[in-house]
Each structure stands twice: as structure tokens, then as C-alpha cells.
Amino acid sequence: MAQPKINCCEQCQVYWTCETKWYRGEKGEENICCPVCNYYSVCIEKASGKKNCSSKQNKSK
């Protein structure tokens, strides 16, 4: 089964300094959460079950 796609979580401690996120941004790729995220396992669990962990943040943007 494929992993669900989830956006990077701004609550992660490495969000602003994440090399993977910056590299993807420079290449115009999607801002997808990856195992570098401090909350990756929590986000995957929530995305698999109900909602994206960053869905609350998306409403404020």
C-alpha cells in the first residue's frame, strides 16, 4: 500500500532548515512530508486514518 501524501508540517523543529524541503522547493516539486520530519509518524498515522496533520494550518493561510 502506498504512503499517503502529506504536506510538510510547520510545527516540525526542522521545517525552516530542512534541506529536503528546500531542495524540492527549488525544483518546483511538492512540499511532501518525509521521514526527516519530527512528526512524520504522527502525520502518517493521522493521514492514513482521518485528516492531514497540517489541515488546521492550511485554514489559516
N, C-alpha and C. Protein backbone atom coordinates (compact mmCIF):
# COMPACT_ATOMS: atom_id res chain seq x y z
N MET A 1 0.84 -1.19 0.00
CA MET A 1 0.00 0.00 0.00
C MET A 1 0.88 1.25 0.00
N ALA A 2 0.55 2.21 -0.80
CA ALA A 2 1.34 3.44 -0.92
C ALA A 2 1.11 4.35 0.29
N GLN A 3 2.16 5.08 0.66
CA GLN A 3 2.04 6.05 1.75
C GLN A 3 1.21 7.24 1.28
N PRO A 4 0.35 7.76 2.15
CA PRO A 4 -0.43 8.95 1.75
C PRO A 4 0.48 10.17 1.62
N LYS A 5 0.11 11.08 0.72
CA LYS A 5 0.87 12.32 0.56
C LYS A 5 0.40 13.33 1.60
N ILE A 6 1.32 13.91 2.32
CA ILE A 6 1.00 14.93 3.30
C ILE A 6 1.99 16.08 3.16
N ASN A 7 1.50 17.28 3.32
CA ASN A 7 2.37 18.45 3.24
C ASN A 7 3.28 18.51 4.46
N CYS A 8 4.42 19.18 4.29
CA CYS A 8 5.33 19.38 5.42
C CYS A 8 4.59 20.10 6.55
N CYS A 9 4.92 19.73 7.74
CA CYS A 9 4.27 20.26 8.93
C CYS A 9 5.10 21.41 9.51
N GLU A 10 4.54 22.60 9.59
CA GLU A 10 5.26 23.76 10.10
C GLU A 10 5.60 23.64 11.58
N GLN A 11 4.99 22.71 12.28
CA GLN A 11 5.28 22.51 13.69
C GLN A 11 6.60 21.76 13.90
N CYS A 12 7.10 21.12 12.85
CA CYS A 12 8.34 20.37 12.93
C CYS A 12 9.51 21.30 13.24
N GLN A 13 10.41 20.86 14.10
CA GLN A 13 11.55 21.69 14.51
C GLN A 13 12.52 21.95 13.37
N VAL A 14 12.54 21.10 12.36
CA VAL A 14 13.48 21.28 11.25
C VAL A 14 12.80 21.86 10.01
N TYR A 15 11.54 22.28 10.11
CA TYR A 15 10.79 22.76 8.95
C TYR A 15 11.53 23.86 8.18
N TRP A 16 12.01 24.87 8.85
CA TRP A 16 12.62 26.02 8.18
C TRP A 16 14.05 25.76 7.71
N THR A 17 14.69 24.71 8.23
CA THR A 17 16.07 24.41 7.83
C THR A 17 16.20 23.08 7.09
N CYS A 18 15.10 22.46 6.77
CA CYS A 18 15.12 21.14 6.14
C CYS A 18 15.67 21.22 4.71
N GLU A 19 16.78 20.55 4.48
CA GLU A 19 17.40 20.56 3.15
C GLU A 19 16.52 19.90 2.10
N THR A 20 15.81 18.84 2.49
CA THR A 20 14.93 18.14 1.55
C THR A 20 13.82 19.07 1.09
N LYS A 21 13.21 19.81 2.01
CA LYS A 21 12.13 20.73 1.68
C LYS A 21 12.64 21.85 0.77
N TRP A 22 13.80 22.41 1.08
CA TRP A 22 14.36 23.49 0.28
C TRP A 22 14.73 23.01 -1.12
N TYR A 23 15.31 21.81 -1.20
CA TYR A 23 15.67 21.25 -2.49
C TYR A 23 14.43 21.06 -3.36
N ARG A 24 13.39 20.50 -2.77
CA ARG A 24 12.14 20.31 -3.52
C ARG A 24 11.55 21.64 -3.95
N GLY A 25 11.62 22.64 -3.10
CA GLY A 25 11.10 23.97 -3.44
C GLY A 25 11.85 24.59 -4.60
N GLU A 26 13.16 24.43 -4.63
CA GLU A 26 13.96 24.97 -5.73
C GLU A 26 13.65 24.28 -7.04
N LYS A 27 13.30 23.01 -6.98
CA LYS A 27 12.99 22.23 -8.19
C LYS A 27 11.52 22.33 -8.58
N GLY A 28 10.71 23.02 -7.76
CA GLY A 28 9.28 23.16 -8.04
C GLY A 28 8.48 21.90 -7.74
N GLU A 29 9.03 21.04 -6.88
CA GLU A 29 8.34 19.81 -6.52
C GLU A 29 7.40 20.05 -5.34
N GLU A 30 6.53 19.08 -5.09
CA GLU A 30 5.58 19.19 -3.99
C GLU A 30 6.29 19.22 -2.64
N ASN A 31 5.69 19.92 -1.70
CA ASN A 31 6.21 20.04 -0.34
C ASN A 31 5.64 18.89 0.49
N ILE A 32 6.17 17.69 0.27
CA ILE A 32 5.64 16.49 0.90
C ILE A 32 6.44 16.12 2.15
N CYS A 33 5.72 15.75 3.20
CA CYS A 33 6.35 15.33 4.46
C CYS A 33 7.20 14.08 4.21
N CYS A 34 8.35 14.04 4.86
CA CYS A 34 9.24 12.90 4.70
C CYS A 34 9.76 12.46 6.08
N PRO A 35 10.48 11.35 6.16
CA PRO A 35 10.95 10.84 7.46
C PRO A 35 11.86 11.79 8.24
N VAL A 36 12.36 12.85 7.64
CA VAL A 36 13.19 13.83 8.36
C VAL A 36 12.33 14.60 9.37
N CYS A 37 11.05 14.74 9.10
CA CYS A 37 10.12 15.48 9.95
C CYS A 37 10.03 14.85 11.34
N ASN A 38 10.04 15.68 12.36
CA ASN A 38 9.92 15.21 13.73
C ASN A 38 8.56 14.56 13.99
N TYR A 39 7.55 14.92 13.21
CA TYR A 39 6.19 14.42 13.41
C TYR A 39 5.76 13.47 12.30
N TYR A 40 6.71 12.95 11.52
CA TYR A 40 6.38 12.12 10.36
C TYR A 40 5.46 10.96 10.73
N SER A 41 5.80 10.19 11.74
CA SER A 41 4.99 9.02 12.10
C SER A 41 3.59 9.44 12.55
N VAL A 42 3.49 10.54 13.26
CA VAL A 42 2.19 11.04 13.71
C VAL A 42 1.36 11.50 12.50
N CYS A 43 2.00 12.23 11.59
CA CYS A 43 1.30 12.72 10.40
C CYS A 43 0.83 11.57 9.53
N ILE A 44 1.67 10.57 9.33
CA ILE A 44 1.30 9.41 8.52
C ILE A 44 0.12 8.68 9.14
N GLU A 45 0.17 8.52 10.45
CA GLU A 45 -0.92 7.84 11.16
C GLU A 45 -2.24 8.60 10.99
N LYS A 46 -2.19 9.92 11.16
CA LYS A 46 -3.40 10.72 11.01
C LYS A 46 -3.91 10.73 9.56
N ALA A 47 -2.99 10.81 8.60
CA ALA A 47 -3.38 10.83 7.19
C ALA A 47 -3.97 9.49 6.77
N SER A 48 -3.44 8.42 7.31
CA SER A 48 -3.95 7.09 6.99
C SER A 48 -5.34 6.88 7.56
N GLY A 49 -5.57 7.50 8.72
CA GLY A 49 -6.85 7.32 9.39
C GLY A 49 -7.88 8.34 9.01
N LYS A 50 -7.61 9.62 9.32
CA LYS A 50 -8.64 10.63 9.16
C LYS A 50 -8.15 11.84 8.39
N LYS A 51 -7.39 12.72 9.05
CA LYS A 51 -7.05 14.02 8.47
C LYS A 51 -5.55 14.25 8.43
N ASN A 52 -5.15 15.17 7.58
CA ASN A 52 -3.77 15.61 7.46
C ASN A 52 -3.39 16.39 8.72
N CYS A 53 -2.21 16.17 9.25
CA CYS A 53 -1.80 16.85 10.49
C CYS A 53 -1.70 18.35 10.31
N SER A 54 -1.51 18.83 9.09
CA SER A 54 -1.36 20.27 8.87
C SER A 54 -2.66 20.90 8.36
N SER A 55 -3.77 20.17 8.43
CA SER A 55 -5.04 20.71 7.91
C SER A 55 -5.47 21.95 8.66
N LYS A 56 -5.19 22.05 9.94
CA LYS A 56 -5.53 23.24 10.72
C LYS A 56 -4.71 24.43 10.25
N GLN A 57 -3.45 24.18 9.90
CA GLN A 57 -2.57 25.25 9.46
C GLN A 57 -3.00 25.77 8.09
N ASN A 58 -3.48 24.88 7.23
CA ASN A 58 -3.89 25.28 5.89
C ASN A 58 -5.08 26.25 5.92
N LYS A 59 -5.93 26.12 6.93
CA LYS A 59 -7.08 27.01 7.06
C LYS A 59 -6.66 28.43 7.36
N SER A 60 -5.55 28.60 8.08
CA SER A 60 -5.11 29.93 8.47
C SER A 60 -4.36 30.66 7.36
N LYS A 61 -4.00 29.97 6.30
CA LYS A 61 -3.24 30.58 5.21
C LYS A 61 -4.12 31.25 4.20
